[in-house]
Amino acid sequence: MTIDDVTAIAGRALFLIIKVSAPVLLVSLVIGLIISIFQTVTSIQEQTLTFVPKIISVFVALMILGHWMLNSMTEFMTELWSNFSLYIS
């Protein structure tokens, strides 16, 4: 196994991390933006107002996308373990 192989596996792993975490982070970003616009319009400057809707939206996103996220990570790990004999040589 060469350094290029290790770099390729690490690159694929990092891309998978970004791909899997991006939808949940985008949901949190959009909800935070909507709430900050609401706070600006209504002049409500409560710092804790953003936490509850963000937490609820992240949990909903995880419930909806969790199956896809887990399948993506499982496929990657299964591929790594199935090619383990190639990495040893």
N, C-alpha and C. Protein backbone atom coordinates (compact mmCIF):
# COMPACT_ATOMS: atom_id res chain seq x y z
N MET A 1 0.84 -1.17 0.00
CA MET A 1 0.00 0.00 0.00
C MET A 1 0.89 1.24 0.00
N THR A 2 0.64 2.11 -0.94
CA THR A 2 1.47 3.30 -1.09
C THR A 2 0.82 4.50 -0.39
N ILE A 3 1.58 5.57 -0.34
CA ILE A 3 1.08 6.80 0.25
C ILE A 3 -0.08 7.35 -0.58
N ASP A 4 -0.03 7.14 -1.89
CA ASP A 4 -1.12 7.59 -2.76
C ASP A 4 -2.43 6.87 -2.43
N ASP A 5 -2.34 5.58 -2.11
CA ASP A 5 -3.54 4.83 -1.73
C ASP A 5 -4.14 5.36 -0.43
N VAL A 6 -3.28 5.62 0.53
CA VAL A 6 -3.74 6.15 1.81
C VAL A 6 -4.37 7.53 1.62
N THR A 7 -3.75 8.34 0.80
CA THR A 7 -4.28 9.68 0.52
C THR A 7 -5.63 9.59 -0.19
N ALA A 8 -5.77 8.65 -1.10
CA ALA A 8 -7.04 8.48 -1.82
C ALA A 8 -8.14 8.03 -0.86
N ILE A 9 -7.82 7.10 0.03
CA ILE A 9 -8.83 6.63 0.99
C ILE A 9 -9.21 7.76 1.94
N ALA A 10 -8.23 8.52 2.42
CA ALA A 10 -8.52 9.64 3.31
C ALA A 10 -9.34 10.71 2.60
N GLY A 11 -9.03 10.97 1.35
CA GLY A 11 -9.81 11.95 0.58
C GLY A 11 -11.25 11.52 0.39
N ARG A 12 -11.44 10.23 0.09
CA ARG A 12 -12.81 9.72 -0.07
C ARG A 12 -13.56 9.77 1.25
N ALA A 13 -12.86 9.49 2.36
CA ALA A 13 -13.49 9.54 3.67
C ALA A 13 -13.90 10.97 4.03
N LEU A 14 -13.03 11.93 3.75
CA LEU A 14 -13.38 13.33 4.03
C LEU A 14 -14.53 13.81 3.16
N PHE A 15 -14.54 13.41 1.89
CA PHE A 15 -15.66 13.78 1.02
C PHE A 15 -16.96 13.17 1.53
N LEU A 16 -16.91 11.93 2.01
CA LEU A 16 -18.10 11.29 2.56
C LEU A 16 -18.59 12.03 3.80
N ILE A 17 -17.67 12.45 4.65
CA ILE A 17 -18.06 13.21 5.85
C ILE A 17 -18.76 14.50 5.46
N ILE A 18 -18.22 15.19 4.48
CA ILE A 18 -18.84 16.45 4.04
C ILE A 18 -20.19 16.18 3.41
N LYS A 19 -20.28 15.15 2.59
CA LYS A 19 -21.53 14.82 1.90
C LYS A 19 -22.62 14.43 2.89
N VAL A 20 -22.25 13.69 3.93
CA VAL A 20 -23.24 13.21 4.89
C VAL A 20 -23.67 14.31 5.85
N SER A 21 -22.76 15.18 6.24
CA SER A 21 -23.10 16.21 7.22
C SER A 21 -23.70 17.47 6.60
N ALA A 22 -23.52 17.68 5.32
CA ALA A 22 -23.97 18.92 4.68
C ALA A 22 -25.49 19.15 4.79
N PRO A 23 -26.35 18.17 4.53
CA PRO A 23 -27.79 18.46 4.62
C PRO A 23 -28.23 18.92 6.01
N VAL A 24 -27.72 18.30 7.06
CA VAL A 24 -28.11 18.69 8.42
C VAL A 24 -27.58 20.08 8.74
N LEU A 25 -26.35 20.37 8.33
CA LEU A 25 -25.80 21.70 8.58
C LEU A 25 -26.54 22.78 7.79
N LEU A 26 -26.95 22.45 6.57
CA LEU A 26 -27.71 23.43 5.77
C LEU A 26 -29.08 23.69 6.38
N VAL A 27 -29.73 22.66 6.90
CA VAL A 27 -31.02 22.86 7.57
C VAL A 27 -30.84 23.78 8.78
N SER A 28 -29.81 23.54 9.56
CA SER A 28 -29.55 24.39 10.72
C SER A 28 -29.25 25.83 10.30
N LEU A 29 -28.49 25.99 9.22
CA LEU A 29 -28.16 27.32 8.72
C LEU A 29 -29.40 28.06 8.25
N VAL A 30 -30.26 27.40 7.50
CA VAL A 30 -31.46 28.04 6.98
C VAL A 30 -32.40 28.42 8.12
N ILE A 31 -32.61 27.53 9.07
CA ILE A 31 -33.48 27.84 10.20
C ILE A 31 -32.91 29.00 11.02
N GLY A 32 -31.61 29.02 11.24
CA GLY A 32 -30.98 30.13 11.95
C GLY A 32 -31.13 31.45 11.23
N LEU A 33 -31.01 31.41 9.90
CA LEU A 33 -31.19 32.63 9.11
C LEU A 33 -32.63 33.13 9.18
N ILE A 34 -33.57 32.21 9.07
CA ILE A 34 -34.99 32.61 9.14
C ILE A 34 -35.31 33.22 10.50
N ILE A 35 -34.81 32.61 11.56
CA ILE A 35 -35.08 33.13 12.90
C ILE A 35 -34.39 34.47 13.13
N SER A 36 -33.18 34.63 12.61
CA SER A 36 -32.51 35.92 12.78
C SER A 36 -33.22 37.03 12.01
N ILE A 37 -33.76 36.71 10.84
CA ILE A 37 -34.57 37.70 10.11
C ILE A 37 -35.82 38.03 10.90
N PHE A 38 -36.48 37.01 11.47
CA PHE A 38 -37.66 37.24 12.31
C PHE A 38 -37.32 38.11 13.51
N GLN A 39 -36.17 37.86 14.14
CA GLN A 39 -35.76 38.67 15.29
C GLN A 39 -35.48 40.11 14.89
N THR A 40 -34.91 40.30 13.72
CA THR A 40 -34.62 41.65 13.25
C THR A 40 -35.91 42.41 12.96
N VAL A 41 -36.85 41.74 12.32
CA VAL A 41 -38.12 42.40 11.96
C VAL A 41 -38.93 42.75 13.20
N THR A 42 -38.96 41.84 14.16
CA THR A 42 -39.80 42.06 15.34
C THR A 42 -39.06 42.73 16.50
N SER A 43 -37.78 43.00 16.34
CA SER A 43 -36.94 43.62 17.38
C SER A 43 -36.87 42.78 18.65
N ILE A 44 -37.04 41.48 18.53
CA ILE A 44 -36.86 40.58 19.66
C ILE A 44 -35.39 40.17 19.67
N GLN A 45 -34.69 40.47 20.74
CA GLN A 45 -33.26 40.17 20.80
C GLN A 45 -32.98 39.11 21.86
N GLU A 46 -33.75 38.06 21.85
CA GLU A 46 -33.55 36.95 22.79
C GLU A 46 -32.55 35.96 22.19
N GLN A 47 -31.45 35.71 22.88
CA GLN A 47 -30.39 34.85 22.36
C GLN A 47 -30.80 33.38 22.32
N THR A 48 -31.65 32.97 23.24
CA THR A 48 -32.01 31.56 23.32
C THR A 48 -33.14 31.18 22.37
N LEU A 49 -33.71 32.13 21.67
CA LEU A 49 -34.83 31.86 20.77
C LEU A 49 -34.43 30.96 19.60
N THR A 50 -33.20 30.99 19.20
CA THR A 50 -32.78 30.20 18.04
C THR A 50 -32.52 28.74 18.36
N PHE A 51 -32.27 28.41 19.62
CA PHE A 51 -31.85 27.05 19.94
C PHE A 51 -32.94 26.01 19.74
N VAL A 52 -34.13 26.25 20.25
CA VAL A 52 -35.20 25.24 20.18
C VAL A 52 -35.59 24.93 18.73
N PRO A 53 -35.86 25.92 17.88
CA PRO A 53 -36.19 25.57 16.49
C PRO A 53 -35.05 24.88 15.75
N LYS A 54 -33.80 25.27 16.04
CA LYS A 54 -32.67 24.61 15.39
C LYS A 54 -32.55 23.16 15.83
N ILE A 55 -32.70 22.91 17.11
CA ILE A 55 -32.60 21.54 17.61
C ILE A 55 -33.71 20.68 17.03
N ILE A 56 -34.92 21.20 17.00
CA ILE A 56 -36.05 20.45 16.44
C ILE A 56 -35.82 20.18 14.96
N SER A 57 -35.36 21.19 14.21
CA SER A 57 -35.15 21.00 12.78
C SER A 57 -34.02 20.01 12.49
N VAL A 58 -32.97 20.04 13.31
CA VAL A 58 -31.87 19.09 13.13
C VAL A 58 -32.35 17.67 13.43
N PHE A 59 -33.14 17.49 14.49
CA PHE A 59 -33.68 16.16 14.78
C PHE A 59 -34.58 15.66 13.66
N VAL A 60 -35.41 16.53 13.11
CA VAL A 60 -36.28 16.14 11.99
C VAL A 60 -35.44 15.77 10.76
N ALA A 61 -34.42 16.56 10.49
CA ALA A 61 -33.54 16.26 9.36
C ALA A 61 -32.83 14.93 9.57
N LEU A 62 -32.40 14.65 10.80
CA LEU A 62 -31.75 13.37 11.09
C LEU A 62 -32.73 12.21 10.94
N MET A 63 -33.97 12.41 11.34
CA MET A 63 -34.97 11.34 11.18
C MET A 63 -35.26 11.08 9.70
N ILE A 64 -35.30 12.13 8.90
CA ILE A 64 -35.60 11.96 7.48
C ILE A 64 -34.38 11.43 6.72
N LEU A 65 -33.21 11.97 6.99
CA LEU A 65 -32.01 11.63 6.23
C LEU A 65 -31.11 10.59 6.90
N GLY A 66 -31.48 10.16 8.10
CA GLY A 66 -30.62 9.24 8.84
C GLY A 66 -30.37 7.93 8.12
N HIS A 67 -31.39 7.41 7.47
CA HIS A 67 -31.24 6.15 6.75
C HIS A 67 -30.22 6.29 5.62
N TRP A 68 -30.31 7.36 4.86
CA TRP A 68 -29.37 7.60 3.78
C TRP A 68 -27.95 7.81 4.31
N MET A 69 -27.84 8.57 5.41
CA MET A 69 -26.53 8.84 5.99
C MET A 69 -25.87 7.54 6.47
N LEU A 70 -26.64 6.71 7.16
CA LEU A 70 -26.09 5.46 7.67
C LEU A 70 -25.74 4.51 6.54
N ASN A 71 -26.57 4.45 5.50
CA ASN A 71 -26.26 3.60 4.35
C ASN A 71 -24.98 4.04 3.64
N SER A 72 -24.79 5.34 3.50
CA SER A 72 -23.58 5.84 2.84
C SER A 72 -22.33 5.46 3.63
N MET A 73 -22.38 5.64 4.93
CA MET A 73 -21.22 5.30 5.76
C MET A 73 -20.98 3.80 5.79
N THR A 74 -22.06 3.02 5.83
CA THR A 74 -21.93 1.56 5.85
C THR A 74 -21.34 1.04 4.55
N GLU A 75 -21.78 1.60 3.42
CA GLU A 75 -21.22 1.19 2.13
C GLU A 75 -19.72 1.48 2.05
N PHE A 76 -19.32 2.64 2.54
CA PHE A 76 -17.91 3.00 2.52
C PHE A 76 -17.09 2.03 3.38
N MET A 77 -17.57 1.74 4.59
CA MET A 77 -16.83 0.84 5.46
C MET A 77 -16.82 -0.58 4.93
N THR A 78 -17.92 -1.02 4.32
CA THR A 78 -17.96 -2.35 3.74
C THR A 78 -16.96 -2.47 2.59
N GLU A 79 -16.86 -1.42 1.79
CA GLU A 79 -15.88 -1.42 0.70
C GLU A 79 -14.45 -1.45 1.24
N LEU A 80 -14.20 -0.68 2.30
CA LEU A 80 -12.86 -0.70 2.90
C LEU A 80 -12.51 -2.09 3.44
N TRP A 81 -13.43 -2.71 4.16
CA TRP A 81 -13.15 -4.02 4.74
C TRP A 81 -13.07 -5.11 3.68
N SER A 82 -13.85 -4.97 2.61
CA SER A 82 -13.79 -6.01 1.57
C SER A 82 -12.47 -5.93 0.79
N ASN A 83 -11.86 -4.76 0.72
CA ASN A 83 -10.58 -4.60 0.03
C ASN A 83 -9.40 -4.64 0.99
N PHE A 84 -9.61 -5.11 2.20
CA PHE A 84 -8.56 -5.10 3.22
C PHE A 84 -7.35 -5.92 2.80
N SER A 85 -7.58 -7.01 2.11
CA SER A 85 -6.45 -7.86 1.69
C SER A 85 -5.57 -7.14 0.67
N LEU A 86 -6.14 -6.22 -0.09
CA LEU A 86 -5.34 -5.45 -1.05
C LEU A 86 -4.46 -4.42 -0.35
N TYR A 87 -4.92 -3.94 0.80
CA TYR A 87 -4.18 -2.89 1.48
C TYR A 87 -2.97 -3.45 2.24
N ILE A 88 -3.00 -4.71 2.60
CA ILE A 88 -1.91 -5.30 3.39
C ILE A 88 -0.66 -5.50 2.55
N SER A 89 -0.84 -5.90 1.32
CA SER A 89 0.33 -6.24 0.49
C SER A 89 1.21 -5.08 0.14
